[in-house]
Amino acid sequence: MMMASYVDDESQIRSEFRIAKNLFDELKSQYFADEPSFCERSWGMSHDYKIAVEEGSTMVRIGTTIFGPRIY
């Protein structure tokens, strides 16, 4: 699981997700190639989930979209 920086710069968010994807792919191929449970690419939240999916995420967290902003 990872989170991109909470910024409006979509190119920065995309770049961070791409780095996560590349790291995942490297770890999968070098250490977990025969491990089917090593398969989830969990990144992306309500504000950036579309970019996350485009960059390979298989699991996103969209609680704010469903429940609204947190009230502290």
PDB file of N, CA and C in Angstrom:
ATOM      1  N   MET A   1       0.848  -1.162   0.000  1.00  0.00           N
ATOM      2  CA  MET A   1       0.000   0.000   0.000  1.00  0.00           C
ATOM      3  C   MET A   1       0.899   1.232   0.000  1.00  0.00           C
ATOM      4  N   MET A   2       0.486   2.221  -0.784  1.00  0.00           N
ATOM      5  CA  MET A   2       1.206   3.495  -0.772  1.00  0.00           C
ATOM      6  C   MET A   2       0.234   4.616  -1.049  1.00  0.00           C
ATOM      7  N   MET A   3       0.628   5.804  -0.694  1.00  0.00           N
ATOM      8  CA  MET A   3      -0.166   7.000  -0.973  1.00  0.00           C
ATOM      9  C   MET A   3       0.722   7.987  -1.708  1.00  0.00           C
ATOM     10  N   ALA A   4       0.160   8.603  -2.730  1.00  0.00           N
ATOM     11  CA  ALA A   4       0.881   9.669  -3.417  1.00  0.00           C
ATOM     12  C   ALA A   4       0.785  10.941  -2.575  1.00  0.00           C
ATOM     13  N   SER A   5       1.614  11.891  -2.889  1.00  0.00           N
ATOM     14  CA  SER A   5       1.547  13.181  -2.209  1.00  0.00           C
ATOM     15  C   SER A   5       0.159  13.796  -2.398  1.00  0.00           C
ATOM     16  N   TYR A   6      -0.324  14.492  -1.390  1.00  0.00           N
ATOM     17  CA  TYR A   6      -1.640  15.125  -1.455  1.00  0.00           C
ATOM     18  C   TYR A   6      -1.469  16.508  -2.077  1.00  0.00           C
ATOM     19  N   VAL A   7      -1.393  16.516  -3.406  1.00  0.00           N
ATOM     20  CA  VAL A   7      -1.178  17.743  -4.175  1.00  0.00           C
ATOM     21  C   VAL A   7      -2.145  17.763  -5.357  1.00  0.00           C
ATOM     22  N   ASP A   8      -2.261  18.914  -5.988  1.00  0.00           N
ATOM     23  CA  ASP A   8      -3.107  19.033  -7.174  1.00  0.00           C
ATOM     24  C   ASP A   8      -2.359  18.719  -8.462  1.00  0.00           C
ATOM     25  N   ASP A   9      -1.056  18.546  -8.392  1.00  0.00           N
ATOM     26  CA  ASP A   9      -0.219  18.313  -9.559  1.00  0.00           C
ATOM     27  C   ASP A   9      -0.367  16.861 -10.033  1.00  0.00           C
ATOM     28  N   GLU A  10      -1.204  16.657 -11.046  1.00  0.00           N
ATOM     29  CA  GLU A  10      -1.473  15.301 -11.529  1.00  0.00           C
ATOM     30  C   GLU A  10      -0.227  14.615 -12.071  1.00  0.00           C
ATOM     31  N   SER A  11       0.700  15.369 -12.640  1.00  0.00           N
ATOM     32  CA  SER A  11       1.913  14.740 -13.166  1.00  0.00           C
ATOM     33  C   SER A  11       2.777  14.209 -12.024  1.00  0.00           C
ATOM     34  N   GLN A  12       2.810  14.897 -10.901  1.00  0.00           N
ATOM     35  CA  GLN A  12       3.560  14.397  -9.744  1.00  0.00           C
ATOM     36  C   GLN A  12       2.899  13.136  -9.192  1.00  0.00           C
ATOM     37  N   ILE A  13       1.569  13.165  -9.063  1.00  0.00           N
ATOM     38  CA  ILE A  13       0.843  11.995  -8.566  1.00  0.00           C
ATOM     39  C   ILE A  13       1.084  10.797  -9.488  1.00  0.00           C
ATOM     40  N   ARG A  14       0.943  11.023 -10.782  1.00  0.00           N
ATOM     41  CA  ARG A  14       1.148   9.950 -11.760  1.00  0.00           C
ATOM     42  C   ARG A  14       2.569   9.386 -11.661  1.00  0.00           C
ATOM     43  N   SER A  15       3.536  10.260 -11.521  1.00  0.00           N
ATOM     44  CA  SER A  15       4.928   9.838 -11.407  1.00  0.00           C
ATOM     45  C   SER A  15       5.139   8.975 -10.167  1.00  0.00           C
ATOM     46  N   GLU A  16       4.550   9.354  -9.049  1.00  0.00           N
ATOM     47  CA  GLU A  16       4.705   8.585  -7.820  1.00  0.00           C
ATOM     48  C   GLU A  16       4.038   7.217  -7.945  1.00  0.00           C
ATOM     49  N   PHE A  17       2.866   7.159  -8.578  1.00  0.00           N
ATOM     50  CA  PHE A  17       2.215   5.868  -8.798  1.00  0.00           C
ATOM     51  C   PHE A  17       3.034   4.998  -9.743  1.00  0.00           C
ATOM     52  N   ARG A  18       3.634   5.612 -10.738  1.00  0.00           N
ATOM     53  CA  ARG A  18       4.456   4.852 -11.683  1.00  0.00           C
ATOM     54  C   ARG A  18       5.686   4.270 -10.979  1.00  0.00           C
ATOM     55  N   ILE A  19       6.274   5.037 -10.077  1.00  0.00           N
ATOM     56  CA  ILE A  19       7.410   4.533  -9.293  1.00  0.00           C
ATOM     57  C   ILE A  19       6.964   3.335  -8.463  1.00  0.00           C
ATOM     58  N   ALA A  20       5.785   3.431  -7.838  1.00  0.00           N
ATOM     59  CA  ALA A  20       5.266   2.315  -7.046  1.00  0.00           C
ATOM     60  C   ALA A  20       5.050   1.083  -7.917  1.00  0.00           C
ATOM     61  N   LYS A  21       4.495   1.286  -9.101  1.00  0.00           N
ATOM     62  CA  LYS A  21       4.262   0.165 -10.016  1.00  0.00           C
ATOM     63  C   LYS A  21       5.582  -0.499 -10.410  1.00  0.00           C
ATOM     64  N   ASN A  22       6.580   0.311 -10.741  1.00  0.00           N
ATOM     65  CA  ASN A  22       7.880  -0.239 -11.124  1.00  0.00           C
ATOM     66  C   ASN A  22       8.518  -1.013  -9.977  1.00  0.00           C
ATOM     67  N   LEU A  23       8.408  -0.482  -8.758  1.00  0.00           N
ATOM     68  CA  LEU A  23       8.952  -1.185  -7.596  1.00  0.00           C
ATOM     69  C   LEU A  23       8.206  -2.497  -7.369  1.00  0.00           C
ATOM     70  N   PHE A  24       6.881  -2.456  -7.460  1.00  0.00           N
ATOM     71  CA  PHE A  24       6.090  -3.680  -7.307  1.00  0.00           C
ATOM     72  C   PHE A  24       6.526  -4.720  -8.330  1.00  0.00           C
ATOM     73  N   ASP A  25       6.615  -4.312  -9.582  1.00  0.00           N
ATOM     74  CA  ASP A  25       7.001  -5.245 -10.650  1.00  0.00           C
ATOM     75  C   ASP A  25       8.377  -5.853 -10.389  1.00  0.00           C
ATOM     76  N   GLU A  26       9.307  -5.032  -9.918  1.00  0.00           N
ATOM     77  CA  GLU A  26      10.656  -5.523  -9.629  1.00  0.00           C
ATOM     78  C   GLU A  26      10.639  -6.526  -8.477  1.00  0.00           C
ATOM     79  N   LEU A  27       9.941  -6.193  -7.393  1.00  0.00           N
ATOM     80  CA  LEU A  27       9.861  -7.110  -6.262  1.00  0.00           C
ATOM     81  C   LEU A  27       9.164  -8.411  -6.644  1.00  0.00           C
ATOM     82  N   LYS A  28       8.100  -8.293  -7.410  1.00  0.00           N
ATOM     83  CA  LYS A  28       7.361  -9.478  -7.847  1.00  0.00           C
ATOM     84  C   LYS A  28       8.270 -10.402  -8.657  1.00  0.00           C
ATOM     85  N   SER A  29       8.975  -9.843  -9.620  1.00  0.00           N
ATOM     86  CA  SER A  29       9.800 -10.691 -10.490  1.00  0.00           C
ATOM     87  C   SER A  29      11.016 -11.271  -9.767  1.00  0.00           C
ATOM     88  N   GLN A  30      11.620 -10.507  -8.851  1.00  0.00           N
ATOM     89  CA  GLN A  30      12.848 -10.973  -8.209  1.00  0.00           C
ATOM     90  C   GLN A  30      12.614 -11.854  -6.988  1.00  0.00           C
ATOM     91  N   TYR A  31      11.523 -11.612  -6.262  1.00  0.00           N
ATOM     92  CA  TYR A  31      11.354 -12.308  -4.991  1.00  0.00           C
ATOM     93  C   TYR A  31      10.048 -13.093  -4.849  1.00  0.00           C
ATOM     94  N   PHE A  32       9.033 -12.717  -5.590  1.00  0.00           N
ATOM     95  CA  PHE A  32       7.716 -13.304  -5.385  1.00  0.00           C
ATOM     96  C   PHE A  32       7.081 -13.837  -6.666  1.00  0.00           C
ATOM     97  N   ALA A  33       7.882 -14.208  -7.617  1.00  0.00           N
ATOM     98  CA  ALA A  33       7.371 -14.654  -8.913  1.00  0.00           C
ATOM     99  C   ALA A  33       6.434 -15.850  -8.785  1.00  0.00           C
ATOM    100  N   ASP A  34       6.705 -16.729  -7.851  1.00  0.00           N
ATOM    101  CA  ASP A  34       5.892 -17.928  -7.685  1.00  0.00           C
ATOM    102  C   ASP A  34       4.880 -17.797  -6.556  1.00  0.00           C
ATOM    103  N   GLU A  35       4.631 -16.573  -6.112  1.00  0.00           N
ATOM    104  CA  GLU A  35       3.727 -16.345  -4.988  1.00  0.00           C
ATOM    105  C   GLU A  35       2.446 -15.663  -5.479  1.00  0.00           C
ATOM    106  N   PRO A  36       1.378 -16.427  -5.711  1.00  0.00           N
ATOM    107  CA  PRO A  36       0.149 -15.838  -6.249  1.00  0.00           C
ATOM    108  C   PRO A  36      -0.505 -14.815  -5.322  1.00  0.00           C
ATOM    109  N   SER A  37      -0.222 -14.883  -4.025  1.00  0.00           N
ATOM    110  CA  SER A  37      -0.844 -13.921  -3.112  1.00  0.00           C
ATOM    111  C   SER A  37      -0.201 -12.535  -3.194  1.00  0.00           C
ATOM    112  N   PHE A  38       0.982 -12.457  -3.813  1.00  0.00           N
ATOM    113  CA  PHE A  38       1.635 -11.165  -4.007  1.00  0.00           C
ATOM    114  C   PHE A  38       1.108 -10.578  -5.311  1.00  0.00           C
ATOM    115  N   CYS A  39      -0.092  -9.975  -5.245  1.00  0.00           N
ATOM    116  CA  CYS A  39      -0.736  -9.550  -6.487  1.00  0.00           C
ATOM    117  C   CYS A  39      -1.432  -8.191  -6.392  1.00  0.00           C
ATOM    118  N   GLU A  40      -1.708  -7.713  -5.186  1.00  0.00           N
ATOM    119  CA  GLU A  40      -2.447  -6.451  -5.067  1.00  0.00           C
ATOM    120  C   GLU A  40      -1.516  -5.258  -5.152  1.00  0.00           C
ATOM    121  N   ARG A  41      -1.924  -4.308  -5.953  1.00  0.00           N
ATOM    122  CA  ARG A  41      -1.208  -3.040  -6.086  1.00  0.00           C
ATOM    123  C   ARG A  41      -2.122  -1.987  -5.487  1.00  0.00           C
ATOM    124  N   SER A  42      -1.943  -1.730  -4.216  1.00  0.00           N
ATOM    125  CA  SER A  42      -2.870  -0.876  -3.477  1.00  0.00           C
ATOM    126  C   SER A  42      -2.329   0.542  -3.382  1.00  0.00           C
ATOM    127  N   TRP A  43      -2.826   1.392  -4.247  1.00  0.00           N
ATOM    128  CA  TRP A  43      -2.553   2.819  -4.152  1.00  0.00           C
ATOM    129  C   TRP A  43      -3.684   3.587  -4.792  1.00  0.00           C
ATOM    130  N   GLY A  44      -3.904   4.778  -4.300  1.00  0.00           N
ATOM    131  CA  GLY A  44      -4.979   5.625  -4.789  1.00  0.00           C
ATOM    132  C   GLY A  44      -6.042   5.838  -3.731  1.00  0.00           C
ATOM    133  N   MET A  45      -6.489   7.091  -3.639  1.00  0.00           N
ATOM    134  CA  MET A  45      -7.548   7.456  -2.708  1.00  0.00           C
ATOM    135  C   MET A  45      -8.588   8.265  -3.474  1.00  0.00           C
ATOM    136  N   SER A  46      -9.591   8.745  -2.770  1.00  0.00           N
ATOM    137  CA  SER A  46     -10.717   9.407  -3.431  1.00  0.00           C
ATOM    138  C   SER A  46     -10.293  10.481  -4.420  1.00  0.00           C
ATOM    139  N   HIS A  47      -9.293  11.275  -4.074  1.00  0.00           N
ATOM    140  CA  HIS A  47      -8.911  12.407  -4.928  1.00  0.00           C
ATOM    141  C   HIS A  47      -8.040  12.014  -6.122  1.00  0.00           C
ATOM    142  N   ASP A  48      -7.487  10.803  -6.123  1.00  0.00           N
ATOM    143  CA  ASP A  48      -6.569  10.439  -7.207  1.00  0.00           C
ATOM    144  C   ASP A  48      -6.761   9.015  -7.726  1.00  0.00           C
ATOM    145  N   TYR A  49      -7.893   8.403  -7.408  1.00  0.00           N
ATOM    146  CA  TYR A  49      -8.070   6.991  -7.757  1.00  0.00           C
ATOM    147  C   TYR A  49      -8.063   6.731  -9.260  1.00  0.00           C
ATOM    148  N   LYS A  50      -8.552   7.683 -10.047  1.00  0.00           N
ATOM    149  CA  LYS A  50      -8.568   7.456 -11.500  1.00  0.00           C
ATOM    150  C   LYS A  50      -7.143   7.340 -12.041  1.00  0.00           C
ATOM    151  N   ILE A  51      -6.271   8.199 -11.579  1.00  0.00           N
ATOM    152  CA  ILE A  51      -4.869   8.132 -11.994  1.00  0.00           C
ATOM    153  C   ILE A  51      -4.247   6.833 -11.487  1.00  0.00           C
ATOM    154  N   ALA A  52      -4.571   6.461 -10.260  1.00  0.00           N
ATOM    155  CA  ALA A  52      -4.024   5.234  -9.672  1.00  0.00           C
ATOM    156  C   ALA A  52      -4.383   4.011 -10.510  1.00  0.00           C
ATOM    157  N   VAL A  53      -5.633   3.924 -10.923  1.00  0.00           N
ATOM    158  CA  VAL A  53      -6.060   2.789 -11.743  1.00  0.00           C
ATOM    159  C   VAL A  53      -5.341   2.807 -13.086  1.00  0.00           C
ATOM    160  N   GLU A  54      -5.209   3.984 -13.670  1.00  0.00           N
ATOM    161  CA  GLU A  54      -4.476   4.090 -14.939  1.00  0.00           C
ATOM    162  C   GLU A  54      -3.027   3.643 -14.793  1.00  0.00           C
ATOM    163  N   GLU A  55      -2.479   3.814 -13.587  1.00  0.00           N
ATOM    164  CA  GLU A  55      -1.079   3.458 -13.341  1.00  0.00           C
ATOM    165  C   GLU A  55      -0.933   2.085 -12.688  1.00  0.00           C
ATOM    166  N   GLY A  56      -1.969   1.255 -12.748  1.00  0.00           N
ATOM    167  CA  GLY A  56      -1.821  -0.136 -12.369  1.00  0.00           C
ATOM    168  C   GLY A  56      -2.367  -0.553 -11.020  1.00  0.00           C
ATOM    169  N   SER A  57      -3.010   0.342 -10.288  1.00  0.00           N
ATOM    170  CA  SER A  57      -3.561  -0.037  -8.994  1.00  0.00           C
ATOM    171  C   SER A  57      -4.676  -1.069  -9.159  1.00  0.00           C
ATOM    172  N   THR A  58      -4.705  -2.033  -8.249  1.00  0.00           N
ATOM    173  CA  THR A  58      -5.779  -3.028  -8.242  1.00  0.00           C
ATOM    174  C   THR A  58      -6.700  -2.841  -7.042  1.00  0.00           C
ATOM    175  N   MET A  59      -6.355  -1.905  -6.157  1.00  0.00           N
ATOM    176  CA  MET A  59      -7.161  -1.657  -4.974  1.00  0.00           C
ATOM    177  C   MET A  59      -7.014  -0.183  -4.597  1.00  0.00           C
ATOM    178  N   VAL A  60      -8.131   0.519  -4.451  1.00  0.00           N
ATOM    179  CA  VAL A  60      -8.104   1.926  -4.068  1.00  0.00           C
ATOM    180  C   VAL A  60      -8.951   2.135  -2.818  1.00  0.00           C
ATOM    181  N   ARG A  61      -8.690   3.231  -2.120  1.00  0.00           N
ATOM    182  CA  ARG A  61      -9.440   3.587  -0.919  1.00  0.00           C
ATOM    183  C   ARG A  61     -10.261   4.845  -1.239  1.00  0.00           C
ATOM    184  N   ILE A  62     -11.574   4.707  -1.226  1.00  0.00           N
ATOM    185  CA  ILE A  62     -12.440   5.818  -1.639  1.00  0.00           C
ATOM    186  C   ILE A  62     -13.475   6.172  -0.567  1.00  0.00           C
ATOM    187  N   GLY A  63     -13.076   6.081   0.672  1.00  0.00           N
ATOM    188  CA  GLY A  63     -13.986   6.364   1.783  1.00  0.00           C
ATOM    189  C   GLY A  63     -14.564   7.760   1.748  1.00  0.00           C
ATOM    190  N   THR A  64     -13.771   8.763   1.423  1.00  0.00           N
ATOM    191  CA  THR A  64     -14.267  10.139   1.380  1.00  0.00           C
ATOM    192  C   THR A  64     -15.333  10.299   0.309  1.00  0.00           C
ATOM    193  N   THR A  65     -15.165   9.631  -0.819  1.00  0.00           N
ATOM    194  CA  THR A  65     -16.163   9.700  -1.878  1.00  0.00           C
ATOM    195  C   THR A  65     -17.479   9.080  -1.424  1.00  0.00           C
ATOM    196  N   ILE A  66     -17.403   8.014  -0.660  1.00  0.00           N
ATOM    197  CA  ILE A  66     -18.601   7.325  -0.195  1.00  0.00           C
ATOM    198  C   ILE A  66     -19.231   8.023   1.012  1.00  0.00           C
ATOM    199  N   PHE A  67     -18.406   8.343   2.024  1.00  0.00           N
ATOM    200  CA  PHE A  67     -18.928   8.823   3.287  1.00  0.00           C
ATOM    201  C   PHE A  67     -18.813  10.330   3.496  1.00  0.00           C
ATOM    202  N   GLY A  68     -18.097  11.011   2.611  1.00  0.00           N
ATOM    203  CA  GLY A  68     -17.882  12.442   2.777  1.00  0.00           C
ATOM    204  C   GLY A  68     -16.624  12.709   3.593  1.00  0.00           C
ATOM    205  N   PRO A  69     -16.265  13.980   3.714  1.00  0.00           N
ATOM    206  CA  PRO A  69     -15.049  14.325   4.454  1.00  0.00           C
ATOM    207  C   PRO A  69     -15.199  14.013   5.941  1.00  0.00           C
ATOM    208  N   ARG A  70     -14.081  13.753   6.558  1.00  0.00           N
ATOM    209  CA  ARG A  70     -14.069  13.487   8.004  1.00  0.00           C
ATOM    210  C   ARG A  70     -14.365  14.774   8.780  1.00  0.00           C
ATOM    211  N   ILE A  71     -15.055  14.602   9.867  1.00  0.00           N
ATOM    212  CA  ILE A  71     -15.324  15.722  10.769  1.00  0.00           C
ATOM    213  C   ILE A  71     -14.544  15.450  12.049  1.00  0.00           C
ATOM    214  N   TYR A  72     -13.592  16.291  12.322  1.00  0.00           N
ATOM    215  CA  TYR A  72     -12.724  16.088  13.483  1.00  0.00           C
ATOM    216  C   TYR A  72     -13.203  16.904  14.654  1.00  0.00           C
TER     217      TYR A  72
END
